[in-house]
Amino acid sequence: MHGVLLDQRLESLYRHWLGKRRGRDMPSRADIDPLEIPIEVWPCTMLLDVIWDGNMPRFRYRRVGEVFWRLAGREATGLFIEDVLPEKAGYRRYVTDIYEEMARRRVPMYTENRFTLEGRSTTLLTRRVSLPLSNAGEPVNMVLAGHVFEHGRLPRETAFSLVSDLTELQRVVLQAPVVA
């Protein structure tokens, strides 16, 4: 489908999003039925509300998959990004920038980054798709996101608080096919 999406779970979520567009730039939240999201993708999936204050969006977690909250160390549902993600090594700003770009440009995006964790010799690789949702051409009001974390065995701890270095490897706008 899309050459940059090497992880089948992310590819599957992107295909699901594409199938819900029905000739529009993006689907709405009402188009996304959680029961239709492939089961292998569900633990890696999250929904975020986009709350606009003028032209500045803020992002609040509405649904957070198990893979994410386990690494974050706590359930994030109902909290804003700034209440959950540490600013350490620029991580919060990095994630917020991805969602802001996706919301402003109204396009699906793929990003990939590598973390180095304090006191660890292994790195943590994150691949994500960020997919905009909107009601009938309105501004983006939600994000459907899939995150896949690749790492050795990390214990159930707050991995993000251990980030000591962050490197972006890729940031790509996914070219959604034109739907007639």
C-alpha atoms as a PDB file:
ATOM      1  CA  MET A   1       0.000   0.000   0.000  1.00  0.00           C
ATOM      2  CA  HIS A   2       2.337   2.781   1.168  1.00  0.00           C
ATOM      3  CA  GLY A   3       6.069   2.039   0.886  1.00  0.00           C
ATOM      4  CA  VAL A   4       7.094   3.809   4.094  1.00  0.00           C
ATOM      5  CA  LEU A   5       4.705   1.831   6.313  1.00  0.00           C
ATOM      6  CA  LEU A   6       6.776  -1.238   7.073  1.00  0.00           C
ATOM      7  CA  ASP A   7       4.795  -2.276  10.153  1.00  0.00           C
ATOM      8  CA  GLN A   8       1.670  -4.274   9.261  1.00  0.00           C
ATOM      9  CA  ARG A   9      -0.284  -2.873  12.234  1.00  0.00           C
ATOM     10  CA  LEU A  10       0.269   0.717  11.110  1.00  0.00           C
ATOM     11  CA  GLU A  11      -0.456  -0.213   7.501  1.00  0.00           C
ATOM     12  CA  SER A  12      -3.710  -1.828   8.615  1.00  0.00           C
ATOM     13  CA  LEU A  13      -4.791   1.264  10.594  1.00  0.00           C
ATOM     14  CA  TYR A  14      -3.948   3.528   7.656  1.00  0.00           C
ATOM     15  CA  ARG A  15      -5.971   1.311   5.267  1.00  0.00           C
ATOM     16  CA  HIS A  16      -8.874   1.416   7.730  1.00  0.00           C
ATOM     17  CA  TRP A  17      -8.711   5.246   7.812  1.00  0.00           C
ATOM     18  CA  LEU A  18      -8.541   5.399   3.994  1.00  0.00           C
ATOM     19  CA  GLY A  19     -11.600   3.170   3.704  1.00  0.00           C
ATOM     20  CA  LYS A  20     -13.611   5.504   5.926  1.00  0.00           C
ATOM     21  CA  ARG A  21     -12.926   8.657   3.864  1.00  0.00           C
ATOM     22  CA  ARG A  22     -15.696   8.015   1.324  1.00  0.00           C
ATOM     23  CA  GLY A  23     -14.554  10.712  -1.117  1.00  0.00           C
ATOM     24  CA  ARG A  24     -13.644  13.226   1.596  1.00  0.00           C
ATOM     25  CA  ASP A  25     -10.229  14.493   2.666  1.00  0.00           C
ATOM     26  CA  MET A  26     -10.642  12.648   5.953  1.00  0.00           C
ATOM     27  CA  PRO A  27     -13.268  10.689   7.869  1.00  0.00           C
ATOM     28  CA  SER A  28     -15.110  11.972  10.929  1.00  0.00           C
ATOM     29  CA  ARG A  29     -14.987  10.410  14.389  1.00  0.00           C
ATOM     30  CA  ALA A  30     -18.468   8.980  13.759  1.00  0.00           C
ATOM     31  CA  ASP A  31     -17.018   6.998  10.840  1.00  0.00           C
ATOM     32  CA  ILE A  32     -14.522   5.214  13.091  1.00  0.00           C
ATOM     33  CA  ASP A  33     -16.064   2.191  14.784  1.00  0.00           C
ATOM     34  CA  PRO A  34     -13.586   0.753  17.294  1.00  0.00           C
ATOM     35  CA  LEU A  35     -15.011  -2.727  16.664  1.00  0.00           C
ATOM     36  CA  GLU A  36     -13.883  -2.472  13.032  1.00  0.00           C
ATOM     37  CA  ILE A  37     -10.270  -1.648  13.880  1.00  0.00           C
ATOM     38  CA  PRO A  38      -8.228  -4.833  13.427  1.00  0.00           C
ATOM     39  CA  ILE A  39      -7.677  -6.493  16.807  1.00  0.00           C
ATOM     40  CA  GLU A  40      -3.883  -6.657  16.421  1.00  0.00           C
ATOM     41  CA  VAL A  41      -3.839  -2.860  16.016  1.00  0.00           C
ATOM     42  CA  TRP A  42      -6.108  -2.007  18.977  1.00  0.00           C
ATOM     43  CA  PRO A  43      -3.408  -2.026  21.736  1.00  0.00           C
ATOM     44  CA  CYS A  44      -1.307   0.378  19.599  1.00  0.00           C
ATOM     45  CA  THR A  45      -4.157   2.796  18.850  1.00  0.00           C
ATOM     46  CA  MET A  46      -5.134   6.065  20.477  1.00  0.00           C
ATOM     47  CA  LEU A  47      -7.638   8.840  19.896  1.00  0.00           C
ATOM     48  CA  LEU A  48      -6.906  12.437  20.821  1.00  0.00           C
ATOM     49  CA  ASP A  49      -9.299  15.383  20.897  1.00  0.00           C
ATOM     50  CA  VAL A  50      -8.011  18.487  19.132  1.00  0.00           C
ATOM     51  CA  ILE A  51      -9.076  21.604  20.994  1.00  0.00           C
ATOM     52  CA  TRP A  52      -8.437  24.801  19.061  1.00  0.00           C
ATOM     53  CA  ASP A  53      -7.678  28.064  20.852  1.00  0.00           C
ATOM     54  CA  GLY A  54      -7.583  30.433  17.910  1.00  0.00           C
ATOM     55  CA  ASN A  55      -5.029  28.851  15.617  1.00  0.00           C
ATOM     56  CA  MET A  56      -3.263  26.901  18.394  1.00  0.00           C
ATOM     57  CA  PRO A  57      -4.359  23.295  18.854  1.00  0.00           C
ATOM     58  CA  ARG A  58      -4.091  21.379  22.118  1.00  0.00           C
ATOM     59  CA  PHE A  59      -4.336  17.611  22.283  1.00  0.00           C
ATOM     60  CA  ARG A  60      -6.220  15.616  24.924  1.00  0.00           C
ATOM     61  CA  TYR A  61      -6.112  11.838  25.119  1.00  0.00           C
ATOM     62  CA  ARG A  62      -9.560  10.316  24.649  1.00  0.00           C
ATOM     63  CA  ARG A  63      -8.498   6.683  24.281  1.00  0.00           C
ATOM     64  CA  VAL A  64      -5.043   5.297  24.902  1.00  0.00           C
ATOM     65  CA  GLY A  65      -3.926   1.804  23.910  1.00  0.00           C
ATOM     66  CA  GLU A  66      -2.214  -0.483  26.370  1.00  0.00           C
ATOM     67  CA  VAL A  67       1.141  -0.295  24.581  1.00  0.00           C
ATOM     68  CA  PHE A  68       1.317   3.457  25.160  1.00  0.00           C
ATOM     69  CA  TRP A  69       0.113   3.738  28.750  1.00  0.00           C
ATOM     70  CA  ARG A  70       2.364   0.902  29.832  1.00  0.00           C
ATOM     71  CA  LEU A  71       5.401   2.825  28.579  1.00  0.00           C
ATOM     72  CA  ALA A  72       4.066   6.145  29.906  1.00  0.00           C
ATOM     73  CA  GLY A  73       3.597   4.592  33.323  1.00  0.00           C
ATOM     74  CA  ARG A  74      -0.032   5.646  33.802  1.00  0.00           C
ATOM     75  CA  GLU A  75      -3.406   5.836  32.137  1.00  0.00           C
ATOM     76  CA  ALA A  76      -3.567   9.092  30.164  1.00  0.00           C
ATOM     77  CA  THR A  77      -7.256   9.190  29.171  1.00  0.00           C
ATOM     78  CA  GLY A  78      -8.715  12.664  29.755  1.00  0.00           C
ATOM     79  CA  LEU A  79      -5.314  14.326  30.157  1.00  0.00           C
ATOM     80  CA  PHE A  80      -3.560  16.749  27.814  1.00  0.00           C
ATOM     81  CA  ILE A  81      -0.233  15.844  26.227  1.00  0.00           C
ATOM     82  CA  GLU A  82       1.558  18.360  28.423  1.00  0.00           C
ATOM     83  CA  ASP A  83       0.192  16.564  31.512  1.00  0.00           C
ATOM     84  CA  VAL A  84       1.551  13.188  30.405  1.00  0.00           C
ATOM     85  CA  LEU A  85       4.668  13.452  28.253  1.00  0.00           C
ATOM     86  CA  PRO A  86       7.907  14.757  29.730  1.00  0.00           C
ATOM     87  CA  GLU A  87       9.714  17.637  28.065  1.00  0.00           C
ATOM     88  CA  LYS A  88      12.948  15.764  28.679  1.00  0.00           C
ATOM     89  CA  ALA A  89      15.160  15.641  25.544  1.00  0.00           C
ATOM     90  CA  GLY A  90      12.465  17.620  23.694  1.00  0.00           C
ATOM     91  CA  TYR A  91      10.078  14.650  23.593  1.00  0.00           C
ATOM     92  CA  ARG A  92       6.842  16.521  24.393  1.00  0.00           C
ATOM     93  CA  ARG A  93       7.620  19.271  21.875  1.00  0.00           C
ATOM     94  CA  TYR A  94       8.470  16.669  19.238  1.00  0.00           C
ATOM     95  CA  VAL A  95       5.156  14.808  19.615  1.00  0.00           C
ATOM     96  CA  THR A  96       3.148  18.035  19.793  1.00  0.00           C
ATOM     97  CA  ASP A  97       4.857  19.310  16.622  1.00  0.00           C
ATOM     98  CA  ILE A  98       3.822  16.160  14.753  1.00  0.00           C
ATOM     99  CA  TYR A  99       0.173  16.527  15.745  1.00  0.00           C
ATOM    100  CA  GLU A 100       0.162  20.280  15.107  1.00  0.00           C
ATOM    101  CA  GLU A 101       1.576  19.802  11.602  1.00  0.00           C
ATOM    102  CA  MET A 102      -0.928  17.044  10.842  1.00  0.00           C
ATOM    103  CA  ALA A 103      -3.875  19.148  12.120  1.00  0.00           C
ATOM    104  CA  ARG A 104      -2.856  22.336  10.320  1.00  0.00           C
ATOM    105  CA  ARG A 105      -2.045  20.619   7.020  1.00  0.00           C
ATOM    106  CA  ARG A 106      -5.027  18.231   7.349  1.00  0.00           C
ATOM    107  CA  VAL A 107      -2.957  15.308   6.079  1.00  0.00           C
ATOM    108  CA  PRO A 108      -2.072  11.819   7.345  1.00  0.00           C
ATOM    109  CA  MET A 109       1.522  11.504   8.505  1.00  0.00           C
ATOM    110  CA  TYR A 110       4.080   8.833   9.297  1.00  0.00           C
ATOM    111  CA  THR A 111       6.933   9.542  11.705  1.00  0.00           C
ATOM    112  CA  GLU A 112       9.739   7.481  13.099  1.00  0.00           C
ATOM    113  CA  ASN A 113      12.131   8.344  15.874  1.00  0.00           C
ATOM    114  CA  ARG A 114      14.735   6.740  18.086  1.00  0.00           C
ATOM    115  CA  PHE A 115      15.187   7.295  21.814  1.00  0.00           C
ATOM    116  CA  THR A 116      18.145   6.641  23.977  1.00  0.00           C
ATOM    117  CA  LEU A 117      17.143   5.855  27.539  1.00  0.00           C
ATOM    118  CA  GLU A 118      19.213   6.870  30.554  1.00  0.00           C
ATOM    119  CA  GLY A 119      21.352   4.046  31.840  1.00  0.00           C
ATOM    120  CA  ARG A 120      20.397   1.701  28.989  1.00  0.00           C
ATOM    121  CA  SER A 121      22.479   0.436  26.117  1.00  0.00           C
ATOM    122  CA  THR A 122      19.427  -0.326  23.969  1.00  0.00           C
ATOM    123  CA  THR A 123      17.423   2.253  22.088  1.00  0.00           C
ATOM    124  CA  LEU A 124      13.675   2.546  21.711  1.00  0.00           C
ATOM    125  CA  LEU A 125      12.334   2.969  18.181  1.00  0.00           C
ATOM    126  CA  THR A 126       8.888   4.484  17.691  1.00  0.00           C
ATOM    127  CA  ARG A 127       6.906   4.318  14.474  1.00  0.00           C
ATOM    128  CA  ARG A 128       3.608   6.182  14.302  1.00  0.00           C
ATOM    129  CA  VAL A 129       0.810   7.116  11.950  1.00  0.00           C
ATOM    130  CA  SER A 130      -1.173  10.249  12.775  1.00  0.00           C
ATOM    131  CA  LEU A 131      -4.497  10.362  10.958  1.00  0.00           C
ATOM    132  CA  PRO A 132      -6.759  13.441  11.031  1.00  0.00           C
ATOM    133  CA  LEU A 133     -10.503  13.281  11.657  1.00  0.00           C
ATOM    134  CA  SER A 134     -12.930  16.110  10.923  1.00  0.00           C
ATOM    135  CA  ASN A 135     -16.667  16.707  10.680  1.00  0.00           C
ATOM    136  CA  ALA A 136     -17.675  17.654   7.131  1.00  0.00           C
ATOM    137  CA  GLY A 137     -14.690  19.784   6.196  1.00  0.00           C
ATOM    138  CA  GLU A 138     -14.409  21.524   9.563  1.00  0.00           C
ATOM    139  CA  PRO A 139     -10.998  21.917  11.201  1.00  0.00           C
ATOM    140  CA  VAL A 140      -9.396  18.695  12.405  1.00  0.00           C
ATOM    141  CA  ASN A 141     -11.082  17.835  15.704  1.00  0.00           C
ATOM    142  CA  MET A 142      -9.536  14.443  16.470  1.00  0.00           C
ATOM    143  CA  VAL A 143      -6.440  12.394  15.775  1.00  0.00           C
ATOM    144  CA  LEU A 144      -6.538   8.647  15.218  1.00  0.00           C
ATOM    145  CA  ALA A 145      -2.992   7.500  15.909  1.00  0.00           C
ATOM    146  CA  GLY A 146      -1.122   4.229  15.895  1.00  0.00           C
ATOM    147  CA  HIS A 147       2.181   3.814  17.747  1.00  0.00           C
ATOM    148  CA  VAL A 148       4.507   0.868  17.546  1.00  0.00           C
ATOM    149  CA  PHE A 149       7.419   0.722  19.955  1.00  0.00           C
ATOM    150  CA  GLU A 150      10.373  -1.518  19.191  1.00  0.00           C
ATOM    151  CA  HIS A 151      12.737  -2.235  22.035  1.00  0.00           C
ATOM    152  CA  GLY A 152      14.292  -5.039  23.973  1.00  0.00           C
ATOM    153  CA  ARG A 153      12.461  -6.081  27.099  1.00  0.00           C
ATOM    154  CA  LEU A 154      11.610  -2.979  29.051  1.00  0.00           C
ATOM    155  CA  PRO A 155      10.122  -3.476  32.488  1.00  0.00           C
ATOM    156  CA  ARG A 156       6.759  -1.874  33.337  1.00  0.00           C
ATOM    157  CA  GLU A 157       8.153   1.523  34.204  1.00  0.00           C
ATOM    158  CA  THR A 158       7.910   5.050  32.945  1.00  0.00           C
ATOM    159  CA  ALA A 159      10.134   4.692  29.892  1.00  0.00           C
ATOM    160  CA  PHE A 160       9.449   8.204  28.599  1.00  0.00           C
ATOM    161  CA  SER A 161      10.809   9.754  31.787  1.00  0.00           C
ATOM    162  CA  LEU A 162      14.101   7.992  31.028  1.00  0.00           C
ATOM    163  CA  VAL A 163      14.557   9.590  27.594  1.00  0.00           C
ATOM    164  CA  SER A 164      17.999  11.162  27.360  1.00  0.00           C
ATOM    165  CA  ASP A 165      18.219  11.635  23.593  1.00  0.00           C
ATOM    166  CA  LEU A 166      15.723  11.797  20.730  1.00  0.00           C
ATOM    167  CA  THR A 167      16.452  11.589  17.014  1.00  0.00           C
ATOM    168  CA  GLU A 168      13.844  11.866  14.285  1.00  0.00           C
ATOM    169  CA  LEU A 169      14.484   9.352  11.531  1.00  0.00           C
ATOM    170  CA  GLN A 170      11.530  10.108   9.220  1.00  0.00           C
ATOM    171  CA  ARG A 171       8.577  12.478   8.874  1.00  0.00           C
ATOM    172  CA  VAL A 172       6.478  11.807   5.792  1.00  0.00           C
ATOM    173  CA  VAL A 173       3.095  13.026   4.609  1.00  0.00           C
ATOM    174  CA  LEU A 174       1.192   9.938   3.521  1.00  0.00           C
ATOM    175  CA  GLN A 175      -0.209  10.605   0.098  1.00  0.00           C
ATOM    176  CA  ALA A 176      -3.767   9.410   0.375  1.00  0.00           C
ATOM    177  CA  PRO A 177      -5.093   8.286  -3.022  1.00  0.00           C
ATOM    178  CA  VAL A 178      -7.702  10.534  -4.583  1.00  0.00           C
ATOM    179  CA  VAL A 179     -11.120   9.008  -3.992  1.00  0.00           C
ATOM    180  CA  ALA A 180     -13.760   9.586  -6.664  1.00  0.00           C
END
